[in-house]
C-alpha atoms as a PDB file:
ATOM      1  CA  UNK A   1     -14.780 -59.838  53.143  1.00  0.00           C
ATOM      2  CA  UNK A   2     -14.959 -59.009  49.436  1.00  0.00           C
ATOM      3  CA  UNK A   3     -12.225 -57.139  47.611  1.00  0.00           C
ATOM      4  CA  UNK A   4     -13.931 -54.517  45.440  1.00  0.00           C
ATOM      5  CA  UNK A   5     -11.356 -52.699  43.308  1.00  0.00           C
ATOM      6  CA  UNK A   6      -7.954 -51.047  43.304  1.00  0.00           C
ATOM      7  CA  UNK A   7      -8.389 -47.600  44.844  1.00  0.00           C
ATOM      8  CA  UNK A   8      -5.062 -46.122  43.746  1.00  0.00           C
ATOM      9  CA  UNK A   9      -1.503 -46.819  42.688  1.00  0.00           C
ATOM     10  CA  UNK A  10       1.230 -44.516  44.012  1.00  0.00           C
ATOM     11  CA  UNK A  11       4.127 -43.451  41.784  1.00  0.00           C
ATOM     12  CA  UNK A  12       7.198 -41.554  42.995  1.00  0.00           C
ATOM     13  CA  UNK A  13       8.756 -38.957  40.718  1.00  0.00           C
ATOM     14  CA  UNK A  14      11.589 -36.454  40.591  1.00  0.00           C
ATOM     15  CA  UNK A  15       9.749 -34.538  37.840  1.00  0.00           C
ATOM     16  CA  UNK A  16       6.131 -33.854  38.816  1.00  0.00           C
ATOM     17  CA  UNK A  17       5.458 -31.703  35.738  1.00  0.00           C
ATOM     18  CA  UNK A  18       6.665 -34.337  33.241  1.00  0.00           C
ATOM     19  CA  UNK A  19       4.766 -37.073  35.077  1.00  0.00           C
ATOM     20  CA  UNK A  20       1.542 -35.044  35.104  1.00  0.00           C
ATOM     21  CA  UNK A  21       1.935 -34.202  31.405  1.00  0.00           C
ATOM     22  CA  UNK A  22       2.392 -37.903  30.563  1.00  0.00           C
ATOM     23  CA  UNK A  23      -0.672 -39.074  32.468  1.00  0.00           C
ATOM     24  CA  UNK A  24      -2.949 -36.066  31.842  1.00  0.00           C
ATOM     25  CA  UNK A  25      -1.980 -34.829  28.364  1.00  0.00           C
ATOM     26  CA  UNK A  26      -0.963 -38.138  26.803  1.00  0.00           C
ATOM     27  CA  UNK A  27      -3.075 -40.785  28.544  1.00  0.00           C
ATOM     28  CA  UNK A  28      -6.060 -38.572  29.384  1.00  0.00           C
ATOM     29  CA  UNK A  29      -6.310 -38.953  33.174  1.00  0.00           C
ATOM     30  CA  UNK A  30      -7.990 -36.143  35.107  1.00  0.00           C
ATOM     31  CA  UNK A  31      -6.373 -34.257  37.979  1.00  0.00           C
ATOM     32  CA  UNK A  32      -8.619 -34.264  41.062  1.00  0.00           C
ATOM     33  CA  UNK A  33      -8.498 -32.516  44.436  1.00  0.00           C
ATOM     34  CA  UNK A  34      -5.732 -33.656  46.771  1.00  0.00           C
ATOM     35  CA  UNK A  35      -5.345 -32.976  50.501  1.00  0.00           C
ATOM     36  CA  UNK A  36      -2.697 -30.377  51.459  1.00  0.00           C
ATOM     37  CA  UNK A  37       0.096 -32.852  52.193  1.00  0.00           C
ATOM     38  CA  UNK A  38       3.524 -31.543  53.247  1.00  0.00           C
ATOM     39  CA  UNK A  39       5.072 -32.642  49.940  1.00  0.00           C
ATOM     40  CA  UNK A  40       4.271 -31.870  46.304  1.00  0.00           C
ATOM     41  CA  UNK A  41       2.255 -34.309  44.246  1.00  0.00           C
ATOM     42  CA  UNK A  42      -0.994 -34.874  42.430  1.00  0.00           C
ATOM     43  CA  UNK A  43      -3.970 -37.205  42.339  1.00  0.00           C
ATOM     44  CA  UNK A  44      -5.027 -38.359  38.888  1.00  0.00           C
ATOM     45  CA  UNK A  45      -8.288 -40.206  38.202  1.00  0.00           C
ATOM     46  CA  UNK A  46      -9.279 -42.797  35.601  1.00  0.00           C
ATOM     47  CA  UNK A  47     -12.719 -44.232  36.224  1.00  0.00           C
ATOM     48  CA  UNK A  48     -12.874 -45.403  39.838  1.00  0.00           C
ATOM     49  CA  UNK A  49      -9.099 -45.816  40.158  1.00  0.00           C
ATOM     50  CA  UNK A  50      -6.516 -43.131  40.856  1.00  0.00           C
ATOM     51  CA  UNK A  51      -2.799 -42.598  40.546  1.00  0.00           C
ATOM     52  CA  UNK A  52      -1.249 -40.775  43.487  1.00  0.00           C
ATOM     53  CA  UNK A  53       1.934 -39.021  42.391  1.00  0.00           C
ATOM     54  CA  UNK A  54       4.523 -38.375  45.133  1.00  0.00           C
ATOM     55  CA  UNK A  55       7.183 -35.732  44.456  1.00  0.00           C
ATOM     56  CA  UNK A  56       9.739 -33.785  46.458  1.00  0.00           C
ATOM     57  CA  UNK A  57      10.971 -35.544  49.595  1.00  0.00           C
ATOM     58  CA  UNK A  58       8.227 -38.178  49.238  1.00  0.00           C
ATOM     59  CA  UNK A  59       9.952 -39.508  46.098  1.00  0.00           C
ATOM     60  CA  UNK A  60      12.913 -40.799  48.143  1.00  0.00           C
ATOM     61  CA  UNK A  61      13.109 -43.883  50.355  1.00  0.00           C
ATOM     62  CA  UNK A  62      14.229 -43.824  53.995  1.00  0.00           C
ATOM     63  CA  UNK A  63      17.899 -43.945  52.906  1.00  0.00           C
ATOM     64  CA  UNK A  64      17.526 -40.995  50.529  1.00  0.00           C
ATOM     65  CA  UNK A  65      17.536 -43.062  47.335  1.00  0.00           C
ATOM     66  CA  UNK A  66      15.185 -42.653  44.378  1.00  0.00           C
ATOM     67  CA  UNK A  67      14.201 -45.831  42.541  1.00  0.00           C
ATOM     68  CA  UNK A  68      13.076 -45.732  38.906  1.00  0.00           C
ATOM     69  CA  UNK A  69      10.701 -48.219  37.352  1.00  0.00           C
ATOM     70  CA  UNK A  70       8.365 -50.650  38.987  1.00  0.00           C
ATOM     71  CA  UNK A  71      10.776 -52.623  41.195  1.00  0.00           C
ATOM     72  CA  UNK A  72       8.816 -55.771  42.107  1.00  0.00           C
ATOM     73  CA  UNK A  73       5.715 -54.537  40.235  1.00  0.00           C
ATOM     74  CA  UNK A  74       6.215 -55.297  36.545  1.00  0.00           C
ATOM     75  CA  UNK A  75       3.642 -52.955  35.000  1.00  0.00           C
ATOM     76  CA  UNK A  76       0.334 -51.133  35.355  1.00  0.00           C
ATOM     77  CA  UNK A  77      -2.363 -52.282  32.923  1.00  0.00           C
ATOM     78  CA  UNK A  78      -5.043 -49.815  31.797  1.00  0.00           C
ATOM     79  CA  UNK A  79      -8.109 -50.450  29.628  1.00  0.00           C
ATOM     80  CA  UNK A  80      -8.205 -47.891  26.796  1.00  0.00           C
ATOM     81  CA  UNK A  81      -9.875 -47.078  23.473  1.00  0.00           C
ATOM     82  CA  UNK A  82      -8.577 -45.735  20.152  1.00  0.00           C
ATOM     83  CA  UNK A  83      -5.392 -47.737  19.655  1.00  0.00           C
ATOM     84  CA  UNK A  84      -4.367 -45.743  16.583  1.00  0.00           C
ATOM     85  CA  UNK A  85      -4.611 -42.370  18.347  1.00  0.00           C
ATOM     86  CA  UNK A  86      -2.457 -43.550  21.248  1.00  0.00           C
ATOM     87  CA  UNK A  87       0.082 -45.111  18.867  1.00  0.00           C
ATOM     88  CA  UNK A  88       0.227 -41.886  16.854  1.00  0.00           C
ATOM     89  CA  UNK A  89       0.660 -39.784  20.026  1.00  0.00           C
ATOM     90  CA  UNK A  90       3.551 -42.011  21.140  1.00  0.00           C
ATOM     91  CA  UNK A  91       5.174 -41.672  17.717  1.00  0.00           C
ATOM     92  CA  UNK A  92       4.718 -37.875  17.661  1.00  0.00           C
ATOM     93  CA  UNK A  93       6.431 -37.634  21.071  1.00  0.00           C
ATOM     94  CA  UNK A  94       9.194 -40.006  19.898  1.00  0.00           C
ATOM     95  CA  UNK A  95       8.479 -42.418  22.757  1.00  0.00           C
ATOM     96  CA  UNK A  96       9.864 -45.934  22.670  1.00  0.00           C
ATOM     97  CA  UNK A  97       6.841 -48.242  22.679  1.00  0.00           C
ATOM     98  CA  UNK A  98       5.891 -51.791  21.792  1.00  0.00           C
ATOM     99  CA  UNK A  99       2.659 -53.272  20.553  1.00  0.00           C
ATOM    100  CA  UNK A 100       1.006 -56.672  20.490  1.00  0.00           C
ATOM    101  CA  UNK A 101      -1.967 -58.349  18.828  1.00  0.00           C
ATOM    102  CA  UNK A 102      -3.123 -61.299  20.953  1.00  0.00           C
ATOM    103  CA  UNK A 103      -5.722 -62.553  18.500  1.00  0.00           C
ATOM    104  CA  UNK A 104      -6.829 -65.293  18.126  1.00  0.00           C
ATOM    105  CA  UNK A 105      -5.710 -66.399  21.649  1.00  0.00           C
ATOM    106  CA  UNK A 106      -7.569 -63.460  23.232  1.00  0.00           C
ATOM    107  CA  UNK A 107      -9.310 -60.426  21.814  1.00  0.00           C
ATOM    108  CA  UNK A 108      -6.785 -57.764  22.809  1.00  0.00           C
ATOM    109  CA  UNK A 109      -4.456 -55.289  21.188  1.00  0.00           C
ATOM    110  CA  UNK A 110      -1.841 -53.773  23.477  1.00  0.00           C
ATOM    111  CA  UNK A 111       0.594 -50.867  23.626  1.00  0.00           C
ATOM    112  CA  UNK A 112       3.483 -50.791  26.112  1.00  0.00           C
ATOM    113  CA  UNK A 113       5.281 -47.553  27.029  1.00  0.00           C
ATOM    114  CA  UNK A 114       7.330 -46.300  29.985  1.00  0.00           C
ATOM    115  CA  UNK A 115       6.248 -43.236  31.930  1.00  0.00           C
ATOM    116  CA  UNK A 116       8.874 -40.547  32.773  1.00  0.00           C
ATOM    117  CA  UNK A 117       9.785 -42.512  35.935  1.00  0.00           C
ATOM    118  CA  UNK A 118      10.467 -45.808  34.176  1.00  0.00           C
ATOM    119  CA  UNK A 119       7.130 -47.387  35.164  1.00  0.00           C
ATOM    120  CA  UNK A 120       5.882 -49.707  32.401  1.00  0.00           C
ATOM    121  CA  UNK A 121       2.339 -48.881  31.305  1.00  0.00           C
ATOM    122  CA  UNK A 122       0.308 -51.448  29.355  1.00  0.00           C
ATOM    123  CA  UNK A 123      -2.707 -50.140  27.443  1.00  0.00           C
ATOM    124  CA  UNK A 124      -5.292 -52.787  26.477  1.00  0.00           C
ATOM    125  CA  UNK A 125      -7.719 -52.316  23.587  1.00  0.00           C
ATOM    126  CA  UNK A 126     -10.667 -54.529  22.572  1.00  0.00           C
ATOM    127  CA  UNK A 127     -10.601 -54.576  18.734  1.00  0.00           C
ATOM    128  CA  UNK A 128     -14.404 -54.842  18.514  1.00  0.00           C
ATOM    129  CA  UNK A 129     -14.677 -51.547  20.453  1.00  0.00           C
ATOM    130  CA  UNK A 130     -12.189 -49.674  18.257  1.00  0.00           C
ATOM    131  CA  UNK A 131     -13.296 -47.050  15.693  1.00  0.00           C
ATOM    132  CA  UNK A 132     -14.239 -48.340  12.250  1.00  0.00           C
ATOM    133  CA  UNK A 133     -11.164 -48.877  10.082  1.00  0.00           C
ATOM    134  CA  UNK A 134      -8.725 -49.022  12.998  1.00  0.00           C
ATOM    135  CA  UNK A 135      -5.380 -50.544  12.037  1.00  0.00           C
ATOM    136  CA  UNK A 136      -4.152 -53.495  14.096  1.00  0.00           C
ATOM    137  CA  UNK A 137      -0.728 -53.572  15.787  1.00  0.00           C
ATOM    138  CA  UNK A 138       2.386 -53.754  13.635  1.00  0.00           C
ATOM    139  CA  UNK A 139       3.805 -57.234  14.084  1.00  0.00           C
ATOM    140  CA  UNK A 140       7.343 -55.880  13.537  1.00  0.00           C
ATOM    141  CA  UNK A 141       7.319 -53.861  16.791  1.00  0.00           C
ATOM    142  CA  UNK A 142       6.091 -56.488  19.240  1.00  0.00           C
ATOM    143  CA  UNK A 143       6.531 -56.443  22.993  1.00  0.00           C
ATOM    144  CA  UNK A 144       8.638 -59.244  24.447  1.00  0.00           C
ATOM    145  CA  UNK A 145       8.770 -59.536  28.254  1.00  0.00           C
ATOM    146  CA  UNK A 146      12.215 -58.769  29.618  1.00  0.00           C
ATOM    147  CA  UNK A 147      13.326 -57.009  26.410  1.00  0.00           C
ATOM    148  CA  UNK A 148      11.653 -53.657  26.947  1.00  0.00           C
END
């Protein structure tokens, strides 16, 4: 009984347009066909994994409450490329973000940012795969668990 991959992660939103803009325009996911459910939403693809966005009535729990953030799930981690372009896009949109350089313990650079629903997104970059001349993370803006 092998586990193969994560098929999708579902995110609830009160603002479908802002959520789609964040994931499509900023992070570069692709909107794909979605069945005609009885509630608004979208399916967004990245490689073999998708985000299913639930809006409208589907964004509320059985008691009618909407919950921001990840609740028991701390964050969603995504492999990415072009650290400097993502950092610049976050700065241009005046988003609060954090960054981390894990070298020499591991070979990762990271950016942390919240989506419009309060879900923490972690972008991981392999420095060796970055464009020539890429600048490493600023050590003055580091992510600290529980402080962002």
